[in-house]
Protein backbone atom coordinates (compact mmCIF):
# COMPACT_ATOMS: atom_id res chain seq x y z
CA MET A 1 0.00 0.00 0.00
CA THR A 2 1.35 3.34 -0.91
CA LYS A 3 0.84 6.37 1.24
CA GLU A 4 -0.07 8.56 -1.72
CA THR A 5 -3.24 7.06 -3.14
CA PRO A 6 -4.47 8.69 -6.33
CA GLN A 7 -8.19 9.39 -6.53
CA LEU A 8 -8.84 8.43 -2.91
CA ASN A 9 -12.18 9.66 -1.64
CA TYR A 10 -13.72 9.73 1.83
CA THR A 11 -15.83 6.60 1.31
CA GLN A 12 -12.85 4.61 0.09
CA ALA A 13 -10.67 5.86 2.93
CA MET A 14 -13.27 4.91 5.54
CA ALA A 15 -13.76 1.48 3.98
CA GLU A 16 -10.02 0.81 3.99
CA LEU A 17 -9.68 2.08 7.55
CA THR A 18 -12.60 -0.10 8.68
CA ALA A 19 -10.99 -3.12 7.01
CA LEU A 20 -7.71 -2.46 8.81
CA VAL A 21 -9.48 -2.16 12.16
CA LYS A 22 -11.43 -5.39 11.59
CA LYS A 23 -8.23 -7.15 10.56
CA TRP A 24 -6.63 -6.19 13.87
CA GLU A 25 -9.72 -6.89 15.96
CA ASN A 26 -10.77 -10.22 14.45
CA ASP A 27 -7.81 -11.84 12.75
CA GLN A 28 -4.33 -12.79 13.67
CA PRO A 29 -2.51 -9.69 12.45
CA ASP A 30 0.64 -10.18 10.44
CA LEU A 31 3.20 -8.56 12.69
CA SER A 32 5.65 -8.21 9.83
CA ASN A 33 3.18 -5.72 8.29
CA ALA A 34 2.15 -4.06 11.56
CA ALA A 35 4.20 -0.91 11.03
CA ALA A 36 2.90 -0.48 7.48
CA ASP A 37 -0.70 -1.08 8.63
CA LEU A 38 -0.38 1.47 11.42
CA GLU A 39 1.23 4.02 9.11
CA ARG A 40 -1.54 3.53 6.57
CA ALA A 41 -4.23 3.80 9.26
CA ALA A 42 -2.70 7.05 10.52
CA PHE A 43 -2.70 8.43 6.97
CA LEU A 44 -6.34 7.42 6.46
CA VAL A 45 -7.45 8.94 9.78
CA LYS A 46 -5.73 12.22 8.87
CA TYR A 47 -7.25 12.15 5.38
CA CYS A 48 -10.76 11.62 6.78
CA ARG A 49 -10.31 14.22 9.51
CA ASP A 50 -9.09 16.80 6.99
CA TYR A 51 -11.97 16.00 4.67
CA LEU A 52 -14.55 16.40 7.45
CA ARG A 53 -12.99 19.68 8.57
CA GLY A 54 -13.31 20.95 5.00
CA VAL A 55 -16.96 19.92 4.91
CA GLU A 56 -17.53 21.64 8.26
CA ARG A 57 -15.96 24.86 6.96
CA GLY A 58 -18.21 24.68 3.89
CA VAL A 59 -21.30 24.25 6.04
CA GLU A 60 -20.27 27.15 8.26
CA GLU A 61 -19.85 29.38 5.20
CA VAL A 62 -23.32 28.48 3.95
CA ASP A 63 -24.81 28.91 7.43
CA VAL A 64 -23.44 32.45 7.83
């Protein structure tokens, strides 16, 4: 998985993040990929957070 994902959208990011969480909650995680999984999860969380902040700013502009 590359950090820079072309054409990533919020829905895709959330789906990938959910899959990573389920993998760690339900399966035997592959510890050799743990660092890469955690790095990817951190990237996806930041991507989603930034997206939602942008949406919030847009809503605030419309609301004013």
